[in-house]
Amino acid sequence: MNYPGRVIRKGETDTTIMRAIRARLRELQFTLAATGAFDDAVLSAVKNFQSRNVDSAGRVLVSDGKIGPLTWAALFADPVPVVRAVQGALPSEALAIARTQLGVREIPVNSNRGADVEKYLASVGLGGGYAWCAAFVYWCLSEAAKATGQPNPCLKTGGVLKQWQHAKNQRLETVSATAARNDPGLLRPGMVFVIDHGRGLGHTGFISRVQGGLFETIEGNTDGSKTREGGGVYVLQRKVGEINAGYIAYG
């Protein structure tokens, strides 16, 4: 049975889904009745399974008793397809340009400065010293727009949440964080993810590859710790659950 496109949790009554889940857990030697809703016994079995298994990237599953895409893939040994194809000339070119910036670092360290960083900031009308993840996204899309002869639909600003609100106001294609957690199949390479850190602060970057509930990114002003104040342009891997605002499809 294929992943149903939503998180399965306690209280689920769909007989087809629950029959498949109960049968699989029984195969794994959990003591359960063959039929029934998602009750406390199933919840306990799922948490037990999660605590002893890993996702497709080898990371321990979150033991929360909810069957999302990562737990489903592990439970049913269902290989998660990897999506690398980008839809649209603008996001495809923007992603290609973002890749050419890998290795850019702030000079000096932790300064939000340096020739390349200030190039990104200048594209949104800012000088050195400002947080620059949103400026990086705008600059890549701006360069892609020039190369493809298309307008740049991204708002010219260094504010992550301003770009997010503009995309929604302009009725650009967006995917909410909740919708993506339920169905990661809504995501595709070339999209821009948005994290809201509160107090008007955020972080953003490009999705470069999708694999179920995991995706690879290219993002600026970060580092291996996934901070929003890191010192360079990096390729990182994130879980869909890390994104709490949503995703924008430019193009």
Protein backbone atom coordinates (compact mmCIF):
# COMPACT_ATOMS: atom_id res chain seq x y z
CA MET A 1 0.00 0.00 0.00
CA ASN A 2 1.31 3.46 -0.90
CA TYR A 3 1.62 6.27 1.65
CA PRO A 4 -1.85 7.85 1.85
CA GLY A 5 -0.61 11.45 1.71
CA ARG A 6 -1.36 12.38 5.31
CA VAL A 7 -0.06 11.64 8.79
CA ILE A 8 -1.78 8.64 10.39
CA ARG A 9 -2.32 9.04 14.13
CA LYS A 10 -4.35 7.82 17.09
CA GLY A 11 -8.05 7.82 16.26
CA GLU A 12 -7.58 6.87 12.58
CA THR A 13 -10.50 4.68 11.48
CA ASP A 14 -9.89 4.12 7.75
CA THR A 15 -10.23 0.34 7.59
CA THR A 16 -7.91 -0.15 4.58
CA ILE A 17 -5.11 1.88 6.13
CA MET A 18 -5.48 0.36 9.58
CA ARG A 19 -5.65 -3.19 8.23
CA ALA A 20 -2.31 -2.61 6.45
CA ILE A 21 -0.67 -1.03 9.51
CA ARG A 22 -1.91 -3.68 11.93
CA ALA A 23 -0.86 -6.49 9.57
CA ARG A 24 2.63 -5.05 9.19
CA LEU A 25 3.08 -4.52 12.94
CA ARG A 26 1.88 -8.09 13.57
CA GLU A 27 4.49 -9.31 11.04
CA LEU A 28 7.07 -7.51 13.18
CA GLN A 29 5.91 -9.51 16.22
CA PHE A 30 3.81 -6.84 17.91
CA THR A 31 0.77 -8.31 19.66
CA LEU A 32 -2.27 -6.66 18.11
CA ALA A 33 -5.74 -7.58 16.95
CA ALA A 34 -6.04 -7.97 13.18
CA THR A 35 -8.63 -5.19 12.84
CA GLY A 36 -9.64 -2.01 14.58
CA ALA A 37 -8.97 1.71 14.75
CA PHE A 38 -5.69 3.36 15.75
CA ASP A 39 -5.96 2.76 19.50
CA ASP A 40 -3.56 2.82 22.46
CA ALA A 41 -2.17 -0.61 21.58
CA VAL A 42 -1.25 0.53 18.06
CA LEU A 43 0.15 3.78 19.47
CA SER A 44 2.45 1.86 21.81
CA ALA A 45 3.58 -0.47 19.02
CA VAL A 46 4.34 2.42 16.65
CA LYS A 47 6.37 4.25 19.32
CA ASN A 48 8.28 1.05 20.04
CA PHE A 49 8.99 0.57 16.32
CA GLN A 50 10.14 4.17 15.92
CA SER A 51 12.52 3.97 18.88
CA ARG A 52 14.33 1.03 17.24
CA ASN A 53 14.43 2.11 13.61
CA VAL A 54 15.90 4.84 11.40
CA ASP A 55 14.78 6.90 8.42
CA SER A 56 16.23 6.67 4.91
CA ALA A 57 19.12 8.92 5.96
CA GLY A 58 20.03 6.68 8.87
CA ARG A 59 18.67 8.96 11.59
CA VAL A 60 16.57 7.56 14.46
CA LEU A 61 12.87 8.12 13.91
CA VAL A 62 11.03 10.49 16.24
CA SER A 63 9.14 8.29 18.70
CA ASP A 64 5.87 10.22 18.68
CA GLY A 65 3.46 7.46 17.65
CA LYS A 66 2.50 9.26 14.44
CA ILE A 67 2.99 7.57 11.07
CA GLY A 68 4.25 10.23 8.71
CA PRO A 69 6.17 9.65 5.47
CA LEU A 70 9.47 8.71 7.15
CA THR A 71 7.91 6.21 9.56
CA TRP A 72 5.70 4.81 6.77
CA ALA A 73 8.75 4.23 4.54
CA ALA A 74 10.62 2.48 7.37
CA LEU A 75 7.62 0.45 8.49
CA PHE A 76 6.76 -0.90 5.05
CA ALA A 77 10.36 -0.99 3.74
CA ASP A 78 9.05 1.21 0.94
CA PRO A 79 11.89 2.95 -0.93
CA VAL A 80 11.27 6.69 -1.05
CA PRO A 81 11.68 8.08 -4.60
CA VAL A 82 14.31 10.78 -5.04
CA VAL A 83 13.13 13.83 -7.00
CA ARG A 84 15.85 15.86 -8.69
CA ALA A 85 13.99 17.33 -11.67
CA VAL A 86 13.09 21.02 -11.46
CA GLN A 87 9.90 22.32 -13.06
CA GLY A 88 10.28 25.64 -14.85
CA ALA A 89 13.12 27.59 -16.45
CA LEU A 90 13.38 30.25 -13.72
CA PRO A 91 13.73 27.95 -10.67
CA SER A 92 15.97 25.60 -12.66
CA GLU A 93 18.35 28.43 -13.55
CA ALA A 94 18.19 29.88 -10.01
CA LEU A 95 19.17 26.52 -8.55
CA ALA A 96 22.04 26.18 -11.03
CA ILE A 97 23.28 29.65 -10.06
CA ALA A 98 22.96 28.83 -6.36
CA ARG A 99 25.22 25.81 -6.88
CA THR A 100 27.94 28.05 -8.33
CA GLN A 101 28.00 29.95 -5.02
CA LEU A 102 28.79 26.92 -2.84
CA GLY A 103 31.92 27.64 -0.85
CA VAL A 104 31.22 31.37 -0.40
CA ARG A 105 32.26 32.41 3.12
CA GLU A 106 31.97 35.61 5.15
CA ILE A 107 35.18 37.64 5.37
CA PRO A 108 36.00 38.16 8.16
CA VAL A 109 34.30 35.27 9.91
CA ASN A 110 30.91 36.01 11.52
CA SER A 111 30.72 39.49 10.04
CA ASN A 112 27.95 39.26 7.39
CA ARG A 113 30.54 40.80 5.08
CA GLY A 114 32.85 39.85 2.22
CA ALA A 115 32.76 40.56 -1.52
CA ASP A 116 30.22 37.85 -2.38
CA VAL A 117 28.03 38.40 0.68
CA GLU A 118 27.90 42.13 0.02
CA LYS A 119 27.00 41.38 -3.62
CA TYR A 120 23.91 39.52 -2.40
CA LEU A 121 23.02 42.28 0.05
CA ALA A 122 23.49 45.01 -2.58
CA SER A 123 20.95 43.27 -4.82
CA VAL A 124 18.24 44.13 -2.23
CA GLY A 125 19.62 47.58 -1.45
CA LEU A 126 21.52 46.72 1.74
CA GLY A 127 25.13 47.20 2.77
CA GLY A 128 27.42 44.75 4.51
CA GLY A 129 26.63 43.58 8.03
CA TYR A 130 23.02 42.43 7.58
CA ALA A 131 21.72 38.86 7.70
CA TRP A 132 21.75 37.70 4.09
CA CYS A 133 19.88 34.41 3.52
CA ALA A 134 16.90 36.18 1.88
CA ALA A 135 19.24 38.40 -0.15
CA PHE A 136 20.98 35.24 -1.40
CA VAL A 137 17.66 33.81 -2.59
CA TYR A 138 16.70 37.09 -4.25
CA TRP A 139 20.10 37.46 -5.95
CA CYS A 140 19.98 33.91 -7.38
CA LEU A 141 16.45 34.48 -8.72
CA SER A 142 17.41 37.90 -10.08
CA GLU A 143 20.38 36.46 -11.98
CA ALA A 144 18.17 33.63 -13.23
CA ALA A 145 15.55 36.13 -14.40
CA LYS A 146 18.18 37.98 -16.44
CA ALA A 147 19.42 34.73 -17.96
CA THR A 148 15.94 33.48 -18.91
CA GLY A 149 14.40 36.81 -19.86
CA GLN A 150 11.68 36.48 -17.23
CA PRO A 151 10.58 38.84 -14.46
CA ASN A 152 11.77 38.08 -10.94
CA PRO A 153 8.65 37.38 -8.84
CA CYS A 154 10.60 37.41 -5.55
CA LEU A 155 10.21 40.57 -3.46
CA LYS A 156 13.35 42.72 -3.38
CA THR A 157 14.04 42.65 0.34
CA GLY A 158 16.42 41.15 2.86
CA GLY A 159 13.45 40.13 5.02
CA VAL A 160 12.59 36.44 4.91
CA LEU A 161 9.07 36.86 6.25
CA LYS A 162 8.42 39.81 3.95
CA GLN A 163 9.24 37.56 0.98
CA TRP A 164 6.89 34.90 2.37
CA GLN A 165 4.02 37.33 2.93
CA HIS A 166 4.54 38.90 -0.51
CA ALA A 167 4.33 35.47 -2.17
CA LYS A 168 1.01 34.79 -0.46
CA ASN A 169 -0.33 38.27 -1.18
CA GLN A 170 0.55 37.93 -4.87
CA ARG A 171 -1.09 34.49 -4.96
CA LEU A 172 2.12 32.76 -6.02
CA GLU A 173 2.15 29.02 -5.57
CA THR A 174 2.83 28.24 -1.91
CA VAL A 175 2.67 25.09 0.19
CA SER A 176 2.02 25.36 3.92
CA ALA A 177 4.30 23.59 6.38
CA THR A 178 1.36 21.48 7.57
CA ALA A 179 0.43 20.37 4.05
CA ALA A 180 4.05 19.42 3.32
CA ARG A 181 4.38 17.41 6.53
CA ASN A 182 1.27 15.46 5.59
CA ASP A 183 2.32 14.98 1.98
CA PRO A 184 5.99 15.68 1.08
CA GLY A 185 5.04 14.82 -2.51
CA LEU A 186 3.88 18.45 -2.80
CA LEU A 187 7.52 19.57 -2.68
CA ARG A 188 9.92 19.71 -5.60
CA PRO A 189 13.44 20.97 -6.30
CA GLY A 190 13.66 24.68 -7.03
CA MET A 191 11.16 25.63 -4.33
CA VAL A 192 12.19 28.03 -1.57
CA PHE A 193 11.61 26.99 2.05
CA VAL A 194 10.73 29.50 4.78
CA ILE A 195 11.34 29.11 8.53
CA ASP A 196 9.78 31.58 10.97
CA HIS A 197 11.94 31.99 14.09
CA GLY A 198 9.58 34.49 15.70
CA ARG A 199 10.06 38.20 16.52
CA GLY A 200 10.21 38.97 12.80
CA LEU A 201 13.23 36.72 12.20
CA GLY A 202 13.39 33.91 9.68
CA HIS A 203 15.58 31.76 7.47
CA THR A 204 15.25 30.67 3.86
CA GLY A 205 16.97 28.79 1.07
CA PHE A 206 16.43 26.57 -1.98
CA ILE A 207 15.34 22.93 -2.10
CA SER A 208 17.71 21.09 -4.44
CA ARG A 209 16.54 17.48 -4.02
CA VAL A 210 13.53 15.78 -2.42
CA GLN A 211 13.41 12.30 -0.91
CA GLY A 212 10.14 11.72 0.87
CA GLY A 213 10.17 13.55 4.17
CA LEU A 214 13.79 14.63 3.67
CA PHE A 215 15.20 17.21 1.33
CA GLU A 216 18.57 18.64 0.36
CA THR A 217 19.02 22.40 0.35
CA ILE A 218 21.34 25.12 -0.87
CA GLU A 219 21.18 28.05 1.54
CA GLY A 220 23.21 31.07 2.52
CA ASN A 221 24.05 32.64 5.90
CA THR A 222 24.19 29.20 7.52
CA ASP A 223 26.59 26.35 8.32
CA GLY A 224 26.54 22.70 9.33
CA SER A 225 24.57 23.51 12.49
CA LYS A 226 21.70 24.84 10.32
CA THR A 227 21.79 28.17 12.10
CA ARG A 228 20.30 31.31 10.53
CA GLU A 229 23.51 33.24 11.30
CA GLY A 230 26.15 30.93 9.82
CA GLY A 231 29.00 32.17 7.68
CA GLY A 232 28.56 30.73 4.21
CA VAL A 233 26.66 29.02 1.41
CA TYR A 234 26.19 25.32 2.15
CA VAL A 235 24.41 22.18 1.00
CA LEU A 236 22.41 20.82 3.95
CA GLN A 237 19.85 18.11 4.56
CA ARG A 238 16.64 18.93 6.40
CA LYS A 239 13.51 17.11 7.49
CA VAL A 240 10.15 18.44 6.36
CA GLY A 241 9.26 18.80 10.03
CA GLU A 242 11.98 21.46 10.48
CA ILE A 243 10.07 23.94 8.30
CA ASN A 244 7.31 25.76 10.19
CA ALA A 245 6.13 28.42 7.70
CA GLY A 246 6.05 26.90 4.23
CA TYR A 247 7.42 26.82 0.70
CA ILE A 248 7.28 29.09 -2.34
CA ALA A 249 7.36 27.99 -5.98
CA TYR A 250 8.79 30.85 -8.04
CA GLY A 251 8.40 30.62 -11.76
